[in-house]
Amino acid sequence: MHSYQHILFIDIETVPLVDDYSKLSKRMQIEWEKKSRFLLIDAPEDTLPATIFGEKAGVFSEFAKVVCISFGSFQNIEGEWKLRIKSFKNDNEKILLTEFVSMLDRFMGYNKQLAFCGHNIKEFDVPFLCRRMLIHGLKLPKVMDLSGMKPWEVPHVDTMELWKFGDYKHFTSLALLAEILGIPTPKDDIDGSMVADVYYKEKDLDRIARYCAKDVATAAKVFLRLKGDANTDFEVVMIDD
């Protein structure tokens, strides 16, 4: 695992900007109506944009925010490889993203070849983080400023991309990939479709962070399996401070 010490395994959890469509500004309501048109194509004829806001808005960076970022890296501690995972969680997205950027700066201070790894991070997690950072006026860290790069120049590793083997039509969830590879499922409590309710109704950000951290551990194990390493029986250490 020493060759993977430059990799930061990441996962994020996002929720709609507000808990109810009516709380959006009039301008944002109009923009959501435009954005959601293609989502309504296969919906019942009487389905309204407002009806699907809570269910669908969380994946669009213009209408959603990040509430948790979990990340982990392999470290050799007393002769044993361990995956150390930490989660940043906050209702204030700007504070959350600022803390994440500060962590990246520290990490890159002793690891110049830093690269992210996760499931579907090239299409979701990384672009979502970049857009939300710019919305808040934050400067993108070097490892996330991918403008002008050709696809093969992007250093990040996407486990879904690894599993595609060049098949651009193929989508496999992390839970399914873990199951077929014999890795314990990360979905033993909640799944992505439940995050908004857990956040707005239960107000349980700690529960969301635990779920997010489990996805990081699972992505790391899936990555090793896809790299031909069957040894996924490493200790996962959750860092609280």
C-alpha atoms as a PDB file:
ATOM      1  CA  MET A   1       0.000   0.000   0.000  1.00  0.00           C
ATOM      2  CA  HIS A   2       3.043   2.236   0.210  1.00  0.00           C
ATOM      3  CA  SER A   3       2.567   3.137  -3.462  1.00  0.00           C
ATOM      4  CA  TYR A   4      -0.889   4.539  -2.649  1.00  0.00           C
ATOM      5  CA  GLN A   5       0.122   6.970   0.085  1.00  0.00           C
ATOM      6  CA  HIS A   6      -0.361   9.891  -2.310  1.00  0.00           C
ATOM      7  CA  ILE A   7      -4.043   9.008  -2.769  1.00  0.00           C
ATOM      8  CA  LEU A   8      -6.758  10.748  -0.786  1.00  0.00           C
ATOM      9  CA  PHE A   9      -9.968   8.738  -0.857  1.00  0.00           C
ATOM     10  CA  ILE A  10     -12.947  11.084  -0.710  1.00  0.00           C
ATOM     11  CA  ASP A  11     -16.731  11.169  -0.654  1.00  0.00           C
ATOM     12  CA  ILE A  12     -19.206  14.010  -0.182  1.00  0.00           C
ATOM     13  CA  GLU A  13     -22.822  14.277   0.914  1.00  0.00           C
ATOM     14  CA  THR A  14     -25.078  16.966  -0.500  1.00  0.00           C
ATOM     15  CA  VAL A  15     -28.590  18.237   0.209  1.00  0.00           C
ATOM     16  CA  PRO A  16     -30.923  20.768  -1.443  1.00  0.00           C
ATOM     17  CA  LEU A  17     -30.145  24.370  -0.477  1.00  0.00           C
ATOM     18  CA  VAL A  18     -33.479  24.638   1.337  1.00  0.00           C
ATOM     19  CA  ASP A  19     -35.858  22.101   2.815  1.00  0.00           C
ATOM     20  CA  ASP A  20     -38.805  23.260   0.723  1.00  0.00           C
ATOM     21  CA  TYR A  21     -39.169  24.598  -2.806  1.00  0.00           C
ATOM     22  CA  SER A  22     -41.219  27.555  -1.559  1.00  0.00           C
ATOM     23  CA  LYS A  23     -38.156  28.866   0.296  1.00  0.00           C
ATOM     24  CA  LEU A  24     -36.245  29.418  -2.928  1.00  0.00           C
ATOM     25  CA  SER A  25     -36.160  32.949  -4.264  1.00  0.00           C
ATOM     26  CA  LYS A  26     -38.555  33.649  -7.143  1.00  0.00           C
ATOM     27  CA  ARG A  27     -35.613  33.791  -9.535  1.00  0.00           C
ATOM     28  CA  MET A  28     -34.296  30.435  -8.323  1.00  0.00           C
ATOM     29  CA  GLN A  29     -37.766  28.911  -8.619  1.00  0.00           C
ATOM     30  CA  ILE A  30     -37.864  29.963 -12.256  1.00  0.00           C
ATOM     31  CA  GLU A  31     -34.397  28.535 -12.833  1.00  0.00           C
ATOM     32  CA  TRP A  32     -35.383  25.250 -11.167  1.00  0.00           C
ATOM     33  CA  GLU A  33     -38.413  25.000 -13.446  1.00  0.00           C
ATOM     34  CA  LYS A  34     -36.041  25.289 -16.411  1.00  0.00           C
ATOM     35  CA  LYS A  35     -33.514  22.859 -14.941  1.00  0.00           C
ATOM     36  CA  SER A  36     -36.090  20.247 -14.055  1.00  0.00           C
ATOM     37  CA  ARG A  37     -37.779  20.018 -17.445  1.00  0.00           C
ATOM     38  CA  PHE A  38     -35.782  17.004 -18.537  1.00  0.00           C
ATOM     39  CA  LEU A  39     -36.446  15.339 -15.166  1.00  0.00           C
ATOM     40  CA  LEU A  40     -40.176  15.510 -15.827  1.00  0.00           C
ATOM     41  CA  ILE A  41     -40.059  13.756 -19.190  1.00  0.00           C
ATOM     42  CA  ASP A  42     -40.805  10.319 -17.712  1.00  0.00           C
ATOM     43  CA  ALA A  43     -42.801  11.589 -14.728  1.00  0.00           C
ATOM     44  CA  PRO A  44     -46.608  11.462 -14.478  1.00  0.00           C
ATOM     45  CA  GLU A  45     -48.197  14.256 -16.501  1.00  0.00           C
ATOM     46  CA  ASP A  46     -49.393  16.225 -13.473  1.00  0.00           C
ATOM     47  CA  THR A  47     -45.976  16.220 -11.729  1.00  0.00           C
ATOM     48  CA  LEU A  48     -44.797  19.742 -10.906  1.00  0.00           C
ATOM     49  CA  PRO A  49     -41.195  21.025 -10.606  1.00  0.00           C
ATOM     50  CA  ALA A  50     -41.875  21.866  -6.956  1.00  0.00           C
ATOM     51  CA  THR A  51     -42.899  18.270  -6.283  1.00  0.00           C
ATOM     52  CA  ILE A  52     -39.562  16.786  -7.297  1.00  0.00           C
ATOM     53  CA  PHE A  53     -37.332  19.496  -5.789  1.00  0.00           C
ATOM     54  CA  GLY A  54     -36.650  17.688  -2.508  1.00  0.00           C
ATOM     55  CA  GLU A  55     -35.902  14.416  -4.266  1.00  0.00           C
ATOM     56  CA  LYS A  56     -33.842  15.643  -7.222  1.00  0.00           C
ATOM     57  CA  ALA A  57     -32.212  18.981  -6.356  1.00  0.00           C
ATOM     58  CA  GLY A  58     -29.478  17.496  -4.167  1.00  0.00           C
ATOM     59  CA  VAL A  59     -27.346  16.398  -7.124  1.00  0.00           C
ATOM     60  CA  PHE A  60     -27.282  19.790  -8.848  1.00  0.00           C
ATOM     61  CA  SER A  61     -24.585  22.113  -7.525  1.00  0.00           C
ATOM     62  CA  GLU A  62     -26.613  25.213  -8.384  1.00  0.00           C
ATOM     63  CA  PHE A  63     -29.458  24.060  -6.130  1.00  0.00           C
ATOM     64  CA  ALA A  64     -27.646  22.067  -3.456  1.00  0.00           C
ATOM     65  CA  LYS A  65     -24.866  22.387  -0.906  1.00  0.00           C
ATOM     66  CA  VAL A  66     -22.217  20.137   0.622  1.00  0.00           C
ATOM     67  CA  VAL A  67     -22.845  19.192   4.254  1.00  0.00           C
ATOM     68  CA  CYS A  68     -20.121  16.583   4.727  1.00  0.00           C
ATOM     69  CA  ILE A  69     -16.759  15.692   3.207  1.00  0.00           C
ATOM     70  CA  SER A  70     -15.053  12.499   4.338  1.00  0.00           C
ATOM     71  CA  PHE A  71     -11.519  11.642   3.289  1.00  0.00           C
ATOM     72  CA  GLY A  72      -8.949   9.000   4.134  1.00  0.00           C
ATOM     73  CA  SER A  73      -5.391   7.964   3.360  1.00  0.00           C
ATOM     74  CA  PHE A  74      -3.226   4.921   3.977  1.00  0.00           C
ATOM     75  CA  GLN A  75      -0.577   5.326   6.658  1.00  0.00           C
ATOM     76  CA  ASN A  76       1.906   2.878   8.085  1.00  0.00           C
ATOM     77  CA  ILE A  77       1.514   2.945  11.854  1.00  0.00           C
ATOM     78  CA  GLU A  78       3.869   0.790  13.892  1.00  0.00           C
ATOM     79  CA  GLY A  79       4.448  -1.535  10.952  1.00  0.00           C
ATOM     80  CA  GLU A  80       0.786  -1.932   9.987  1.00  0.00           C
ATOM     81  CA  TRP A  81      -1.099  -0.237   7.173  1.00  0.00           C
ATOM     82  CA  LYS A  82      -4.203   1.563   8.311  1.00  0.00           C
ATOM     83  CA  LEU A  83      -6.763   3.728   6.548  1.00  0.00           C
ATOM     84  CA  ARG A  84      -7.217   6.908   8.570  1.00  0.00           C
ATOM     85  CA  ILE A  85     -10.511   8.652   7.847  1.00  0.00           C
ATOM     86  CA  LYS A  86     -11.694  12.066   8.938  1.00  0.00           C
ATOM     87  CA  SER A  87     -14.964  13.870   8.203  1.00  0.00           C
ATOM     88  CA  PHE A  88     -15.651  17.565   7.963  1.00  0.00           C
ATOM     89  CA  LYS A  89     -19.321  18.364   8.545  1.00  0.00           C
ATOM     90  CA  ASN A  90     -21.009  21.721   8.923  1.00  0.00           C
ATOM     91  CA  ASP A  91     -24.311  23.457   8.201  1.00  0.00           C
ATOM     92  CA  ASN A  92     -22.262  26.415   6.987  1.00  0.00           C
ATOM     93  CA  GLU A  93     -20.949  25.276   3.624  1.00  0.00           C
ATOM     94  CA  LYS A  94     -18.337  28.021   3.258  1.00  0.00           C
ATOM     95  CA  ILE A  95     -16.732  27.067   6.571  1.00  0.00           C
ATOM     96  CA  LEU A  96     -16.824  23.397   5.568  1.00  0.00           C
ATOM     97  CA  LEU A  97     -15.151  24.022   2.221  1.00  0.00           C
ATOM     98  CA  THR A  98     -12.579  26.371   3.761  1.00  0.00           C
ATOM     99  CA  GLU A  99     -11.572  23.672   6.250  1.00  0.00           C
ATOM    100  CA  PHE A 100     -11.270  21.166   3.425  1.00  0.00           C
ATOM    101  CA  VAL A 101      -9.048  23.476   1.373  1.00  0.00           C
ATOM    102  CA  SER A 102      -6.809  24.074   4.404  1.00  0.00           C
ATOM    103  CA  MET A 103      -6.475  20.324   4.879  1.00  0.00           C
ATOM    104  CA  LEU A 104      -5.539  19.865   1.220  1.00  0.00           C
ATOM    105  CA  ASP A 105      -2.861  22.537   1.524  1.00  0.00           C
ATOM    106  CA  ARG A 106      -1.354  20.713   4.507  1.00  0.00           C
ATOM    107  CA  PHE A 107      -1.565  17.335   2.787  1.00  0.00           C
ATOM    108  CA  MET A 108       0.126  18.655  -0.339  1.00  0.00           C
ATOM    109  CA  GLY A 109       2.856  20.118   1.832  1.00  0.00           C
ATOM    110  CA  TYR A 110       4.314  16.633   2.264  1.00  0.00           C
ATOM    111  CA  ASN A 111       2.719  14.867  -0.704  1.00  0.00           C
ATOM    112  CA  LYS A 112       3.207  16.746  -3.960  1.00  0.00           C
ATOM    113  CA  GLN A 113       1.646  13.965  -6.072  1.00  0.00           C
ATOM    114  CA  LEU A 114      -1.728  14.154  -4.324  1.00  0.00           C
ATOM    115  CA  ALA A 115      -4.605  12.567  -6.214  1.00  0.00           C
ATOM    116  CA  PHE A 116      -8.196  11.880  -5.218  1.00  0.00           C
ATOM    117  CA  CYS A 117      -9.863   8.494  -5.455  1.00  0.00           C
ATOM    118  CA  GLY A 118     -13.534   7.638  -5.045  1.00  0.00           C
ATOM    119  CA  HIS A 119     -16.602   6.329  -6.815  1.00  0.00           C
ATOM    120  CA  ASN A 120     -17.927   8.549  -9.619  1.00  0.00           C
ATOM    121  CA  ILE A 121     -15.839  11.443  -8.302  1.00  0.00           C
ATOM    122  CA  LYS A 122     -14.877  12.692 -11.769  1.00  0.00           C
ATOM    123  CA  GLU A 123     -18.488  13.310 -12.724  1.00  0.00           C
ATOM    124  CA  PHE A 124     -19.898  14.258  -9.345  1.00  0.00           C
ATOM    125  CA  ASP A 125     -17.805  14.873  -6.232  1.00  0.00           C
ATOM    126  CA  VAL A 126     -14.916  16.870  -7.682  1.00  0.00           C
ATOM    127  CA  PRO A 127     -16.968  19.069 -10.069  1.00  0.00           C
ATOM    128  CA  PHE A 128     -19.567  19.664  -7.332  1.00  0.00           C
ATOM    129  CA  LEU A 129     -16.896  20.768  -4.856  1.00  0.00           C
ATOM    130  CA  CYS A 130     -15.249  23.044  -7.418  1.00  0.00           C
ATOM    131  CA  ARG A 131     -18.504  24.764  -8.335  1.00  0.00           C
ATOM    132  CA  ARG A 132     -19.520  25.309  -4.719  1.00  0.00           C
ATOM    133  CA  MET A 133     -16.065  26.692  -3.895  1.00  0.00           C
ATOM    134  CA  LEU A 134     -16.326  29.212  -6.713  1.00  0.00           C
ATOM    135  CA  ILE A 135     -19.846  30.178  -5.635  1.00  0.00           C
ATOM    136  CA  HIS A 136     -18.404  31.049  -2.222  1.00  0.00           C
ATOM    137  CA  GLY A 137     -15.492  32.959  -3.719  1.00  0.00           C
ATOM    138  CA  LEU A 138     -12.866  30.414  -2.670  1.00  0.00           C
ATOM    139  CA  LYS A 139      -9.759  29.808  -4.750  1.00  0.00           C
ATOM    140  CA  LEU A 140      -9.531  26.295  -6.120  1.00  0.00           C
ATOM    141  CA  PRO A 141      -6.642  24.235  -4.715  1.00  0.00           C
ATOM    142  CA  LYS A 142      -4.122  23.205  -7.364  1.00  0.00           C
ATOM    143  CA  VAL A 143      -5.195  19.569  -7.187  1.00  0.00           C
ATOM    144  CA  MET A 144      -8.760  20.591  -8.075  1.00  0.00           C
ATOM    145  CA  ASP A 145      -8.047  23.189 -10.772  1.00  0.00           C
ATOM    146  CA  LEU A 146      -8.418  20.929 -13.793  1.00  0.00           C
ATOM    147  CA  SER A 147      -9.323  23.567 -16.374  1.00  0.00           C
ATOM    148  CA  GLY A 148      -7.581  22.976 -19.680  1.00  0.00           C
ATOM    149  CA  MET A 149      -6.450  19.468 -18.775  1.00  0.00           C
ATOM    150  CA  LYS A 150      -7.008  16.622 -21.190  1.00  0.00           C
ATOM    151  CA  PRO A 151      -8.877  13.623 -19.706  1.00  0.00           C
ATOM    152  CA  TRP A 152      -5.706  11.545 -19.473  1.00  0.00           C
ATOM    153  CA  GLU A 153      -3.903  14.355 -17.634  1.00  0.00           C
ATOM    154  CA  VAL A 154      -6.352  14.391 -14.722  1.00  0.00           C
ATOM    155  CA  PRO A 155      -4.576  12.655 -11.810  1.00  0.00           C
ATOM    156  CA  HIS A 156      -7.685  11.509  -9.962  1.00  0.00           C
ATOM    157  CA  VAL A 157      -8.735   7.857  -9.883  1.00  0.00           C
ATOM    158  CA  ASP A 158     -12.396   6.927 -10.251  1.00  0.00           C
ATOM    159  CA  THR A 159     -13.386   3.392  -9.246  1.00  0.00           C
ATOM    160  CA  MET A 160     -16.458   3.526 -11.470  1.00  0.00           C
ATOM    161  CA  GLU A 161     -14.218   4.441 -14.401  1.00  0.00           C
ATOM    162  CA  LEU A 162     -11.870   1.575 -13.568  1.00  0.00           C
ATOM    163  CA  TRP A 163     -14.799  -0.841 -13.605  1.00  0.00           C
ATOM    164  CA  LYS A 164     -16.090   0.486 -16.941  1.00  0.00           C
ATOM    165  CA  PHE A 165     -12.997  -0.743 -18.822  1.00  0.00           C
ATOM    166  CA  GLY A 166     -13.695   1.851 -21.512  1.00  0.00           C
ATOM    167  CA  ASP A 167     -17.452   1.202 -21.700  1.00  0.00           C
ATOM    168  CA  TYR A 168     -18.909   4.716 -21.468  1.00  0.00           C
ATOM    169  CA  LYS A 169     -22.489   3.460 -21.115  1.00  0.00           C
ATOM    170  CA  HIS A 170     -21.908   1.325 -18.067  1.00  0.00           C
ATOM    171  CA  PHE A 171     -22.927   2.584 -14.617  1.00  0.00           C
ATOM    172  CA  THR A 172     -22.441   0.538 -11.458  1.00  0.00           C
ATOM    173  CA  SER A 173     -23.138   1.828  -7.967  1.00  0.00           C
ATOM    174  CA  LEU A 174     -20.553   1.537  -5.216  1.00  0.00           C
ATOM    175  CA  ALA A 175     -22.909  -0.709  -3.237  1.00  0.00           C
ATOM    176  CA  LEU A 176     -23.300  -3.146  -6.148  1.00  0.00           C
ATOM    177  CA  LEU A 177     -19.586  -3.145  -6.885  1.00  0.00           C
ATOM    178  CA  ALA A 178     -18.802  -3.851  -3.233  1.00  0.00           C
ATOM    179  CA  GLU A 179     -21.334  -6.678  -3.153  1.00  0.00           C
ATOM    180  CA  ILE A 180     -20.008  -8.517  -6.181  1.00  0.00           C
ATOM    181  CA  LEU A 181     -16.433  -8.117  -4.957  1.00  0.00           C
ATOM    182  CA  GLY A 182     -17.320  -9.552  -1.551  1.00  0.00           C
ATOM    183  CA  ILE A 183     -16.819  -6.317   0.347  1.00  0.00           C
ATOM    184  CA  PRO A 184     -19.263  -5.504   3.207  1.00  0.00           C
ATOM    185  CA  THR A 185     -21.850  -2.998   2.016  1.00  0.00           C
ATOM    186  CA  PRO A 186     -21.569   0.627   3.140  1.00  0.00           C
ATOM    187  CA  LYS A 187     -25.368   0.958   2.912  1.00  0.00           C
ATOM    188  CA  ASP A 188     -26.146  -0.741   6.228  1.00  0.00           C
ATOM    189  CA  ASP A 189     -27.830   2.341   7.684  1.00  0.00           C
ATOM    190  CA  ILE A 190     -28.897   4.934   5.127  1.00  0.00           C
ATOM    191  CA  ASP A 191     -28.335   5.512   1.430  1.00  0.00           C
ATOM    192  CA  GLY A 192     -27.981   8.602  -0.710  1.00  0.00           C
ATOM    193  CA  SER A 193     -31.713   8.996  -1.264  1.00  0.00           C
ATOM    194  CA  MET A 194     -32.226   9.404   2.492  1.00  0.00           C
ATOM    195  CA  VAL A 195     -29.568  12.029   3.217  1.00  0.00           C
ATOM    196  CA  ALA A 196     -31.806  15.089   2.709  1.00  0.00           C
ATOM    197  CA  ASP A 197     -34.454  13.751   5.110  1.00  0.00           C
ATOM    198  CA  VAL A 198     -31.838  12.824   7.709  1.00  0.00           C
ATOM    199  CA  TYR A 199     -30.419  16.338   7.414  1.00  0.00           C
ATOM    200  CA  TYR A 200     -33.581  18.443   7.342  1.00  0.00           C
ATOM    201  CA  LYS A 201     -36.051  16.299   9.281  1.00  0.00           C
ATOM    202  CA  GLU A 202     -33.866  14.405  11.748  1.00  0.00           C
ATOM    203  CA  LYS A 203     -31.151  17.085  11.870  1.00  0.00           C
ATOM    204  CA  ASP A 204     -28.609  14.319  12.367  1.00  0.00           C
ATOM    205  CA  LEU A 205     -25.413  15.494  10.683  1.00  0.00           C
ATOM    206  CA  ASP A 206     -23.351  13.001  12.679  1.00  0.00           C
ATOM    207  CA  ARG A 207     -25.302  10.116  11.129  1.00  0.00           C
ATOM    208  CA  ILE A 208     -24.634  11.504   7.670  1.00  0.00           C
ATOM    209  CA  ALA A 209     -20.915  11.800   8.473  1.00  0.00           C
ATOM    210  CA  ARG A 210     -20.775   8.165   9.595  1.00  0.00           C
ATOM    211  CA  TYR A 211     -22.428   7.079   6.361  1.00  0.00           C
ATOM    212  CA  CYS A 212     -20.058   9.229   4.305  1.00  0.00           C
ATOM    213  CA  ALA A 213     -16.992   7.807   6.071  1.00  0.00           C
ATOM    214  CA  LYS A 214     -18.187   4.248   5.385  1.00  0.00           C
ATOM    215  CA  ASP A 215     -18.326   5.070   1.680  1.00  0.00           C
ATOM    216  CA  VAL A 216     -14.710   6.239   1.823  1.00  0.00           C
ATOM    217  CA  ALA A 217     -13.589   2.976   3.427  1.00  0.00           C
ATOM    218  CA  THR A 218     -15.568   0.948   0.902  1.00  0.00           C
ATOM    219  CA  ALA A 219     -14.171   2.913  -2.045  1.00  0.00           C
ATOM    220  CA  ALA A 220     -10.633   2.262  -0.784  1.00  0.00           C
ATOM    221  CA  LYS A 221     -11.300  -1.480  -0.588  1.00  0.00           C
ATOM    222  CA  VAL A 222     -12.918  -1.536  -4.013  1.00  0.00           C
ATOM    223  CA  PHE A 223      -9.936   0.369  -5.431  1.00  0.00           C
ATOM    224  CA  LEU A 224      -7.497  -2.225  -4.067  1.00  0.00           C
ATOM    225  CA  ARG A 225      -9.538  -5.085  -5.505  1.00  0.00           C
ATOM    226  CA  LEU A 226      -9.678  -3.417  -8.903  1.00  0.00           C
ATOM    227  CA  LYS A 227      -5.909  -3.001  -8.747  1.00  0.00           C
ATOM    228  CA  GLY A 228      -5.526  -6.737  -8.174  1.00  0.00           C
ATOM    229  CA  ASP A 229      -4.851  -6.520  -4.442  1.00  0.00           C
ATOM    230  CA  ALA A 230      -7.086  -8.947  -2.542  1.00  0.00           C
ATOM    231  CA  ASN A 231      -5.795  -7.749   0.837  1.00  0.00           C
ATOM    232  CA  THR A 232      -8.566  -5.469   2.059  1.00  0.00           C
ATOM    233  CA  ASP A 233      -8.430  -6.581   5.667  1.00  0.00           C
ATOM    234  CA  PHE A 234      -6.799  -3.402   6.939  1.00  0.00           C
ATOM    235  CA  GLU A 235      -7.845  -1.453  10.009  1.00  0.00           C
ATOM    236  CA  VAL A 236      -9.990   1.622   9.480  1.00  0.00           C
ATOM    237  CA  VAL A 237      -9.281   4.395  11.970  1.00  0.00           C
ATOM    238  CA  MET A 238     -11.831   7.185  12.359  1.00  0.00           C
ATOM    239  CA  ILE A 239     -10.230  10.483  13.380  1.00  0.00           C
ATOM    240  CA  ASP A 240     -12.549  12.582  15.524  1.00  0.00           C
ATOM    241  CA  ASP A 241     -10.437  15.648  16.298  1.00  0.00           C
END
